[in-house]
Amino acid sequence: MKKAFGMVLVVGLLAASGIASSQSSTHAEEIKARIAPVGTVCMSGDECAAAPAAPASAEPRSGKEVYDATCGTCHAIGVSGAPKFGNAGEWAPRIAQGIEVLYTHAFDGLNAMPARGLCMNCSDDELKAAVDYMVDSAK
């Protein structure tokens, strides 16, 4: 009887440990899923990284392109007193100061206009072209 009881006890313990281990592995998998990272980081050159972006054109943008991309945000509707594009009356006193003064204002900012009109990727020549484009529209 002792042998039979011992055998039943051993079989019972083995069965219980098998159930416990399958439950603990399921529980461990659930925990791993909950704490898994949301995303990954791919560095240039890694297999997961996208193709590199095409380099920007070496050609300078035209005054119209710079105006459309940046300047028009304020000058199209006269935000904070900006002279409206094409409005000769608003541009006349500014034009009378001379083109170099207008260039300086474009580079350094004036009143509510921030330096470079916030076009930090515009070259000096591109900013001058944008000023020329706006001045020509007001004549």
Protein backbone atom coordinates (compact mmCIF):
# COMPACT_ATOMS: atom_id res chain seq x y z
CA MET A 1 0.00 0.00 0.00
CA LYS A 2 2.82 2.35 0.77
CA LYS A 3 4.32 1.65 -2.64
CA ALA A 4 1.03 2.35 -4.38
CA PHE A 5 0.55 5.55 -2.41
CA GLY A 6 4.09 6.63 -3.24
CA MET A 7 3.53 5.96 -6.94
CA VAL A 8 0.29 7.95 -6.95
CA LEU A 9 2.02 10.75 -5.09
CA VAL A 10 4.92 10.85 -7.58
CA VAL A 11 2.56 10.76 -10.59
CA GLY A 12 0.43 13.50 -9.02
CA LEU A 13 3.46 15.71 -8.36
CA LEU A 14 4.76 15.23 -11.90
CA ALA A 15 1.36 16.09 -13.36
CA ALA A 16 1.06 19.17 -11.13
CA SER A 17 4.52 20.40 -12.06
CA GLY A 18 3.72 19.97 -15.77
CA ILE A 19 0.55 22.05 -15.39
CA ALA A 20 2.37 24.68 -13.36
CA SER A 21 5.20 24.92 -15.85
CA SER A 22 2.80 25.31 -18.81
CA GLN A 23 0.90 27.98 -16.91
CA SER A 24 4.08 29.80 -15.93
CA SER A 25 5.39 29.74 -19.53
CA THR A 26 2.05 31.13 -20.77
CA HIS A 27 2.17 33.75 -18.03
CA ALA A 28 5.76 34.61 -18.93
CA GLU A 29 4.80 35.02 -22.61
CA GLU A 30 1.96 37.36 -21.65
CA ILE A 31 4.34 39.46 -19.57
CA LYS A 32 6.85 39.64 -22.42
CA ALA A 33 4.10 40.76 -24.81
CA ARG A 34 2.96 43.50 -22.42
CA ILE A 35 6.43 44.94 -21.85
CA ALA A 36 7.71 44.56 -25.41
CA PRO A 37 9.01 47.77 -27.03
CA VAL A 38 6.49 49.69 -29.09
CA GLY A 39 8.93 50.47 -31.88
CA THR A 40 12.49 50.03 -32.98
CA VAL A 41 15.31 52.29 -34.02
CA CYS A 42 16.84 51.84 -37.45
CA MET A 43 20.11 53.53 -38.23
CA SER A 44 21.27 54.36 -41.72
CA GLY A 45 22.92 51.27 -43.12
CA ASP A 46 20.79 48.81 -41.10
CA GLU A 47 18.65 46.36 -43.05
CA CYS A 48 15.49 47.88 -41.59
CA ALA A 49 16.38 51.45 -42.64
CA ALA A 50 14.59 53.07 -45.56
CA ALA A 51 16.41 54.19 -48.66
CA PRO A 52 18.23 57.48 -48.13
CA ALA A 53 16.42 60.62 -49.25
CA ALA A 54 17.51 62.19 -52.47
CA PRO A 55 19.84 65.13 -51.94
CA ALA A 56 18.36 68.58 -52.27
CA SER A 57 18.87 70.36 -55.53
CA ALA A 58 22.03 72.41 -55.73
CA GLU A 59 20.13 75.01 -57.73
CA PRO A 60 19.01 78.06 -55.75
CA ARG A 61 15.25 78.49 -55.45
CA SER A 62 13.57 81.32 -57.26
CA GLY A 63 12.05 84.28 -55.45
CA LYS A 64 8.58 82.92 -56.19
CA GLU A 65 9.49 79.50 -54.77
CA VAL A 66 10.83 81.02 -51.54
CA TYR A 67 7.80 83.34 -51.32
CA ASP A 68 5.39 80.43 -51.83
CA ALA A 69 7.21 78.23 -49.30
CA THR A 70 7.78 80.78 -46.53
CA CYS A 71 7.08 84.47 -47.08
CA GLY A 72 3.52 84.06 -48.32
CA THR A 73 2.43 82.78 -44.94
CA CYS A 74 2.41 86.35 -43.63
CA HIS A 75 2.70 88.59 -46.68
CA ALA A 76 -0.30 87.08 -48.49
CA ILE A 77 -2.73 88.41 -45.87
CA GLY A 78 -0.69 91.01 -43.98
CA VAL A 79 -0.12 89.19 -40.69
CA SER A 80 1.06 91.59 -37.93
CA GLY A 81 1.44 94.50 -40.32
CA ALA A 82 3.42 92.69 -43.02
CA PRO A 83 2.96 94.50 -46.34
CA LYS A 84 0.62 92.42 -48.50
CA PHE A 85 1.95 90.87 -51.67
CA GLY A 86 1.17 93.07 -54.67
CA ASN A 87 -0.15 96.01 -52.60
CA ALA A 88 1.74 99.01 -53.99
CA GLY A 89 0.44 101.37 -51.29
CA GLU A 90 1.82 99.25 -48.45
CA TRP A 91 5.14 98.58 -50.20
CA ALA A 92 5.85 102.13 -51.46
CA PRO A 93 7.29 103.55 -48.18
CA ARG A 94 9.42 100.44 -47.75
CA ILE A 95 10.68 100.51 -51.34
CA ALA A 96 11.56 104.20 -50.88
CA GLN A 97 14.09 103.17 -48.18
CA GLY A 98 16.10 101.28 -50.78
CA ILE A 99 16.53 97.64 -51.67
CA GLU A 100 19.55 97.17 -49.36
CA VAL A 101 17.41 98.19 -46.36
CA LEU A 102 14.77 95.66 -47.41
CA TYR A 103 17.44 92.96 -47.69
CA THR A 104 18.70 93.84 -44.20
CA HIS A 105 15.17 93.60 -42.81
CA ALA A 106 14.75 90.22 -44.48
CA PHE A 107 18.02 88.95 -42.98
CA ASP A 108 17.70 90.45 -39.49
CA GLY A 109 13.92 90.72 -39.08
CA LEU A 110 11.86 93.81 -38.33
CA ASN A 111 9.05 94.37 -35.84
CA ALA A 112 7.00 91.14 -35.83
CA MET A 113 8.95 89.60 -38.71
CA PRO A 114 11.55 87.15 -37.41
CA ALA A 115 15.04 86.98 -38.85
CA ARG A 116 15.13 85.38 -42.29
CA GLY A 117 11.33 85.12 -42.12
CA LEU A 118 12.03 81.80 -40.35
CA CYS A 119 13.44 80.38 -43.59
CA MET A 120 16.57 79.01 -41.96
CA ASN A 121 17.42 76.88 -44.98
CA CYS A 122 17.27 79.86 -47.37
CA SER A 123 20.55 81.21 -48.67
CA ASP A 124 21.15 84.97 -48.73
CA ASP A 125 20.68 84.95 -52.49
CA GLU A 126 17.35 83.12 -52.17
CA LEU A 127 16.13 85.66 -49.59
CA LYS A 128 17.18 88.51 -51.86
CA ALA A 129 15.32 86.86 -54.74
CA ALA A 130 12.19 86.61 -52.56
CA VAL A 131 12.46 90.31 -51.62
CA ASP A 132 12.95 91.22 -55.28
CA TYR A 133 9.91 89.12 -56.21
CA MET A 134 7.71 90.87 -53.63
CA VAL A 135 9.01 94.34 -54.58
CA ASP A 136 8.45 93.67 -58.30
CA SER A 137 4.86 92.60 -57.56
CA ALA A 138 4.15 95.92 -55.85
CA LYS A 139 5.37 98.17 -58.67
